[in-house]
Amino acid sequence: MKGLLSKEEQYCYLKGKEGTEVKFSYPEKHNELMRLNPKTGKYVLKGTLKHRYVVDVRDSDLVVYWYVMDLIEFEGEPEHWLRLTYYRYLNKEMKWIFAGQTSLSGRLSYFQRFFVGAIKQKENEWTRSFFRDIQRKCSNELDM
């Protein structure tokens, strides 16, 4: 990639990662699917990026932020994983910054348990309100 990328080119770049290999590195082994990388001494879990949803959320003359939701498949895992992360595209430097090292990642069922648990807590009225608003918008936009 040479030169400043338009928003459409940035979108296509991020979506173009679908079908590619993804890697998660950990200092310790906590899954039988992990393999030791002898060069780094870290354990690696490799998977395939099955689907990606991206949306630009903020931009300025200097930087564009892209929120990313990935569906990842690991061979031998009983279910797909979800990764919520973001990328930044630095306009001046014309380069990408991946924030995956600070992403939320895990099995879909873990996210379901997390969100349902948050919604059920009485002191989390804002969470219930947030998800009600999402449900209302989905109903309106998807004719549910």
Foldseek 3Di string as FASTA:
>chain_A
DDAFDDPVRVVCVVFVQAFPKDKDWDQDDDDPQWDADVVVNITIFMWGFHGKDWDWDDDDQFKIKIWMWTWIDGVPDPAIKIKTFMKMQTRVVRDIDGGRVPIDMDGPVVVVCVLVVLCPDPVNVVSVVVVVVVVVVCCVVVVD
